N, C-alpha and C. Protein backbone atom coordinates (compact mmCIF):
# COMPACT_ATOMS: atom_id res chain seq x y z
N MET A 1 7.27 0.33 -3.90
CA MET A 1 6.01 -0.30 -4.13
C MET A 1 5.03 -0.13 -2.94
N PHE A 2 3.76 -0.33 -3.36
CA PHE A 2 2.82 0.15 -2.35
C PHE A 2 1.59 -0.84 -2.58
N VAL A 3 0.96 -1.28 -1.39
CA VAL A 3 -0.30 -2.08 -1.44
C VAL A 3 -1.30 -1.06 -0.96
N ILE A 4 -2.36 -0.75 -1.48
CA ILE A 4 -3.39 0.24 -1.31
C ILE A 4 -4.63 -0.67 -0.89
N LEU A 5 -5.07 -0.70 0.35
CA LEU A 5 -6.33 -1.29 0.72
C LEU A 5 -7.42 -0.38 0.87
N LEU A 6 -8.45 -0.43 0.08
CA LEU A 6 -9.66 0.42 0.10
C LEU A 6 -10.78 -0.39 0.93
N ASP A 7 -11.30 0.30 1.96
CA ASP A 7 -12.51 -0.17 2.56
C ASP A 7 -13.63 0.74 2.52
N TYR A 8 -14.75 -0.01 2.01
CA TYR A 8 -15.96 0.84 1.77
C TYR A 8 -16.65 1.21 3.02
N THR A 9 -17.02 2.43 3.19
CA THR A 9 -17.65 2.86 4.28
C THR A 9 -19.09 3.33 4.23
N ALA A 10 -19.54 2.86 2.88
CA ALA A 10 -20.97 3.39 2.51
C ALA A 10 -21.63 2.06 1.88
N PRO A 11 -22.75 2.00 1.82
CA PRO A 11 -23.53 0.88 1.25
C PRO A 11 -23.23 0.72 -0.15
N LEU A 12 -23.24 -0.57 -0.72
CA LEU A 12 -22.98 -0.97 -2.13
C LEU A 12 -23.61 -0.18 -3.02
N ALA A 13 -24.90 0.22 -2.86
CA ALA A 13 -25.68 1.13 -3.72
C ALA A 13 -24.88 2.52 -4.04
N ASP A 14 -24.46 2.92 -2.78
CA ASP A 14 -23.63 4.23 -3.07
C ASP A 14 -22.30 4.06 -3.87
N ILE A 15 -21.64 2.97 -3.46
CA ILE A 15 -20.38 2.52 -4.25
C ILE A 15 -20.60 2.44 -5.68
N ASP A 16 -21.80 1.81 -6.03
CA ASP A 16 -22.17 1.57 -7.43
C ASP A 16 -22.38 2.81 -8.10
N ARG A 17 -22.95 3.82 -7.43
CA ARG A 17 -23.33 5.15 -8.09
C ARG A 17 -21.94 5.96 -8.36
N HIS A 18 -20.88 5.53 -7.58
CA HIS A 18 -19.60 6.37 -7.87
C HIS A 18 -18.64 5.50 -8.69
N MET A 19 -19.11 4.27 -9.14
CA MET A 19 -18.23 3.42 -9.87
C MET A 19 -17.61 3.91 -11.11
N ARG A 20 -18.35 4.56 -11.86
CA ARG A 20 -17.91 5.09 -13.32
C ARG A 20 -16.76 6.09 -13.15
N ALA A 21 -16.97 7.03 -12.09
CA ALA A 21 -15.91 7.99 -11.69
C ALA A 21 -14.79 7.41 -11.25
N HIS A 22 -14.91 6.27 -10.40
CA HIS A 22 -13.83 5.50 -9.76
C HIS A 22 -12.94 4.86 -10.92
N VAL A 23 -13.72 4.14 -11.87
CA VAL A 23 -12.99 3.45 -12.89
C VAL A 23 -12.15 4.61 -13.78
N LYS A 24 -12.80 5.70 -14.04
CA LYS A 24 -11.99 6.79 -14.75
C LYS A 24 -10.78 7.30 -14.01
N PHE A 25 -10.89 7.30 -12.81
CA PHE A 25 -9.62 7.62 -11.86
C PHE A 25 -8.61 6.49 -11.90
N LEU A 26 -9.00 5.28 -11.85
CA LEU A 26 -8.15 4.07 -11.97
C LEU A 26 -7.44 4.15 -13.30
N ASN A 27 -8.16 4.30 -14.43
CA ASN A 27 -7.60 4.39 -15.77
C ASN A 27 -6.58 5.54 -15.86
N ALA A 28 -6.74 6.70 -15.30
CA ALA A 28 -5.73 7.63 -15.49
C ALA A 28 -4.55 7.39 -14.71
N GLN A 29 -4.61 6.65 -13.61
CA GLN A 29 -3.43 6.10 -12.75
C GLN A 29 -2.75 5.02 -13.59
N TYR A 30 -3.25 4.19 -14.27
CA TYR A 30 -2.78 3.27 -15.15
C TYR A 30 -1.97 3.82 -16.18
N ALA A 31 -2.63 4.81 -16.88
CA ALA A 31 -1.89 5.48 -17.88
C ALA A 31 -0.67 6.34 -17.39
N SER A 32 -0.78 6.73 -16.19
CA SER A 32 0.49 7.39 -15.56
C SER A 32 1.47 6.50 -15.28
N GLY A 33 1.30 5.11 -15.17
CA GLY A 33 2.37 4.18 -14.68
C GLY A 33 2.30 3.97 -13.35
N THR A 34 1.37 4.71 -12.51
CA THR A 34 1.41 4.50 -11.06
C THR A 34 0.73 3.20 -10.67
N PHE A 35 -0.43 2.84 -11.10
CA PHE A 35 -0.97 1.74 -10.69
C PHE A 35 -0.59 0.58 -11.60
N VAL A 36 -0.48 -0.64 -11.02
CA VAL A 36 -0.03 -1.82 -11.55
C VAL A 36 -0.96 -3.03 -11.91
N VAL A 37 -1.80 -3.20 -10.70
CA VAL A 37 -3.05 -4.08 -10.78
C VAL A 37 -3.97 -3.63 -9.61
N SER A 38 -5.36 -3.86 -9.91
CA SER A 38 -6.24 -3.66 -8.91
C SER A 38 -7.43 -4.54 -8.99
N GLY A 39 -8.30 -4.48 -8.03
CA GLY A 39 -9.54 -5.20 -8.12
C GLY A 39 -10.31 -5.27 -6.85
N ARG A 40 -11.53 -5.97 -6.75
CA ARG A 40 -12.39 -6.05 -5.65
C ARG A 40 -11.82 -7.05 -4.53
N ARG A 41 -12.17 -6.54 -3.45
CA ARG A 41 -11.84 -7.59 -2.33
C ARG A 41 -12.88 -8.59 -2.30
N ILE A 42 -12.82 -9.82 -1.80
CA ILE A 42 -13.72 -10.85 -1.71
C ILE A 42 -13.66 -11.25 -0.12
N PRO A 43 -14.91 -11.00 0.57
CA PRO A 43 -16.08 -10.37 -0.20
C PRO A 43 -16.07 -8.97 -0.62
N ARG A 44 -16.92 -8.37 -1.14
CA ARG A 44 -16.96 -7.07 -1.69
C ARG A 44 -17.07 -6.05 -0.59
N THR A 45 -16.00 -5.91 0.07
CA THR A 45 -16.05 -4.85 1.25
C THR A 45 -14.91 -3.72 0.76
N GLY A 46 -14.47 -3.61 -0.33
CA GLY A 46 -13.29 -2.68 -0.71
C GLY A 46 -12.63 -3.20 -2.01
N GLY A 47 -11.40 -2.63 -1.97
CA GLY A 47 -10.62 -3.07 -3.19
C GLY A 47 -9.21 -3.14 -2.72
N VAL A 48 -8.30 -3.70 -3.60
CA VAL A 48 -6.91 -3.71 -3.42
C VAL A 48 -6.09 -3.01 -4.71
N ILE A 49 -5.13 -2.34 -4.46
CA ILE A 49 -4.40 -1.74 -5.58
C ILE A 49 -2.99 -1.98 -5.36
N LEU A 50 -2.02 -2.41 -6.38
CA LEU A 50 -0.65 -2.37 -6.30
C LEU A 50 -0.14 -1.23 -6.99
N ALA A 51 0.64 -0.42 -6.48
CA ALA A 51 1.10 0.80 -7.04
C ALA A 51 2.45 1.07 -6.94
N ARG A 52 3.07 1.96 -7.77
CA ARG A 52 4.47 2.25 -7.51
C ARG A 52 4.62 3.92 -7.52
N GLY A 53 5.45 4.51 -6.78
CA GLY A 53 5.54 5.88 -6.64
C GLY A 53 6.77 6.16 -5.96
N LYS A 54 6.89 7.53 -5.82
CA LYS A 54 8.15 8.09 -5.26
C LYS A 54 8.11 8.19 -3.65
N SER A 55 6.84 8.27 -3.26
CA SER A 55 6.86 8.28 -1.67
C SER A 55 5.39 7.88 -1.37
N ARG A 56 5.21 7.58 0.00
CA ARG A 56 3.85 7.30 0.61
C ARG A 56 3.10 8.53 0.41
N GLU A 57 3.61 9.69 0.60
CA GLU A 57 2.77 11.00 0.70
C GLU A 57 2.17 11.27 -0.77
N GLU A 58 3.05 10.75 -1.91
CA GLU A 58 2.60 10.90 -3.35
C GLU A 58 1.42 9.99 -3.36
N ILE A 59 1.61 8.78 -2.97
CA ILE A 59 0.26 7.70 -2.96
C ILE A 59 -0.81 8.19 -2.32
N GLU A 60 -0.60 8.78 -1.23
CA GLU A 60 -1.78 9.14 -0.37
C GLU A 60 -2.47 10.36 -0.91
N ALA A 61 -1.75 11.21 -1.60
CA ALA A 61 -2.32 12.38 -2.27
C ALA A 61 -3.12 11.94 -3.44
N ILE A 62 -2.59 10.93 -4.14
CA ILE A 62 -3.33 10.31 -5.28
C ILE A 62 -4.70 9.68 -4.94
N MET A 63 -4.59 8.99 -3.76
CA MET A 63 -5.67 8.23 -3.28
C MET A 63 -6.77 9.08 -2.74
N ASN A 64 -6.41 10.38 -2.22
CA ASN A 64 -7.28 11.27 -1.77
C ASN A 64 -8.24 11.77 -2.91
N GLU A 65 -7.78 11.67 -4.13
CA GLU A 65 -8.44 12.14 -5.24
C GLU A 65 -9.44 11.13 -5.78
N ASP A 66 -9.34 9.78 -5.36
CA ASP A 66 -10.19 8.63 -5.78
C ASP A 66 -11.61 9.15 -5.28
N PRO A 67 -12.66 9.18 -6.24
CA PRO A 67 -13.95 9.60 -6.04
C PRO A 67 -14.52 8.74 -4.82
N PHE A 68 -14.17 7.65 -4.73
CA PHE A 68 -14.77 6.71 -3.50
C PHE A 68 -14.39 7.53 -2.08
N VAL A 69 -13.04 7.90 -2.25
CA VAL A 69 -12.54 8.54 -0.96
C VAL A 69 -13.20 9.96 -0.96
N ALA A 70 -12.88 10.70 -1.91
CA ALA A 70 -13.41 12.10 -1.97
C ALA A 70 -14.92 12.19 -1.66
N ARG A 71 -15.55 11.37 -1.94
CA ARG A 71 -16.96 11.49 -1.56
C ARG A 71 -17.51 10.81 -0.31
N GLY A 72 -16.49 10.30 0.60
CA GLY A 72 -16.73 9.71 1.67
C GLY A 72 -17.36 8.29 1.64
N ALA A 73 -17.23 7.55 0.71
CA ALA A 73 -17.73 6.25 0.39
C ALA A 73 -16.63 5.21 0.76
N ALA A 74 -15.44 5.53 1.01
CA ALA A 74 -14.29 4.55 1.29
C ALA A 74 -13.24 5.35 1.97
N THR A 75 -12.46 4.59 2.72
CA THR A 75 -11.13 4.88 3.34
C THR A 75 -10.05 4.05 2.67
N PHE A 76 -8.85 4.37 3.09
CA PHE A 76 -7.66 3.57 2.48
C PHE A 76 -6.58 3.60 3.49
N GLU A 77 -5.80 2.52 3.30
CA GLU A 77 -4.53 2.24 4.01
C GLU A 77 -3.39 1.97 2.93
N VAL A 78 -2.25 2.62 3.11
CA VAL A 78 -1.19 2.23 2.15
C VAL A 78 -0.21 1.70 2.95
N VAL A 79 0.24 0.59 2.29
CA VAL A 79 1.41 -0.42 2.86
C VAL A 79 2.44 -0.23 1.87
N GLU A 80 3.58 0.23 2.41
CA GLU A 80 4.83 0.47 1.57
C GLU A 80 5.83 -0.75 1.77
N PHE A 81 6.40 -1.36 0.63
CA PHE A 81 7.27 -2.52 0.86
C PHE A 81 8.30 -2.45 -0.26
N ASN A 82 9.49 -3.04 -0.09
CA ASN A 82 10.47 -3.15 -1.07
C ASN A 82 10.31 -4.56 -1.78
N SER A 83 10.31 -4.51 -3.05
CA SER A 83 10.00 -5.73 -3.81
C SER A 83 11.31 -6.46 -3.93
N SER A 84 11.71 -7.23 -3.08
CA SER A 84 13.11 -7.86 -3.14
C SER A 84 13.07 -9.03 -3.88
N GLN A 85 11.96 -9.76 -4.16
CA GLN A 85 11.88 -11.07 -4.90
C GLN A 85 10.67 -10.89 -5.76
N LYS A 86 10.91 -11.65 -7.07
CA LYS A 86 9.79 -11.47 -7.98
C LYS A 86 9.70 -12.75 -8.82
N ALA A 87 8.64 -13.07 -9.55
CA ALA A 87 8.59 -14.07 -10.43
C ALA A 87 8.97 -13.59 -11.82
N PRO A 88 9.50 -14.60 -12.65
CA PRO A 88 9.93 -14.24 -13.95
C PRO A 88 8.81 -13.45 -14.70
N GLY A 89 9.24 -12.30 -15.37
CA GLY A 89 8.32 -11.47 -16.04
C GLY A 89 7.95 -10.22 -15.12
N PHE A 90 8.16 -10.17 -13.97
CA PHE A 90 7.90 -9.04 -13.07
C PHE A 90 9.22 -8.16 -12.90
N GLU A 91 10.11 -8.33 -13.60
CA GLU A 91 11.25 -7.59 -13.41
C GLU A 91 11.06 -6.12 -13.56
N PRO A 92 10.14 -5.46 -14.29
CA PRO A 92 9.94 -4.00 -14.22
C PRO A 92 9.47 -3.47 -12.93
N PHE A 93 9.07 -4.49 -12.08
CA PHE A 93 8.59 -3.88 -10.81
C PHE A 93 9.62 -4.11 -9.67
N ALA A 94 10.75 -4.21 -9.76
CA ALA A 94 11.89 -4.32 -8.82
C ALA A 94 12.03 -2.99 -8.44
N ASP A 95 12.49 -2.76 -7.15
CA ASP A 95 12.75 -1.55 -6.61
C ASP A 95 14.21 -1.07 -7.09
């Protein structure tokens, strides 16, 4: 499992201009089963994505395709972890 932290490096007006392409990217990753949940950070300085994948390198390659990242509007950090405990209903997310 991976936590991806996006940090905006561009003004929100630029972020908003790329939002449609970013949402299309997110939807493709949800359809592939890679992304589990995502949302804006509060305050609106970036985003958070919970993902699953085979390796950090795979997740980093996917994130480099994010329009925010590819267009220089955001950077990201990938935190890998083992999901050793979970609430009922989250069994599919166990390692």
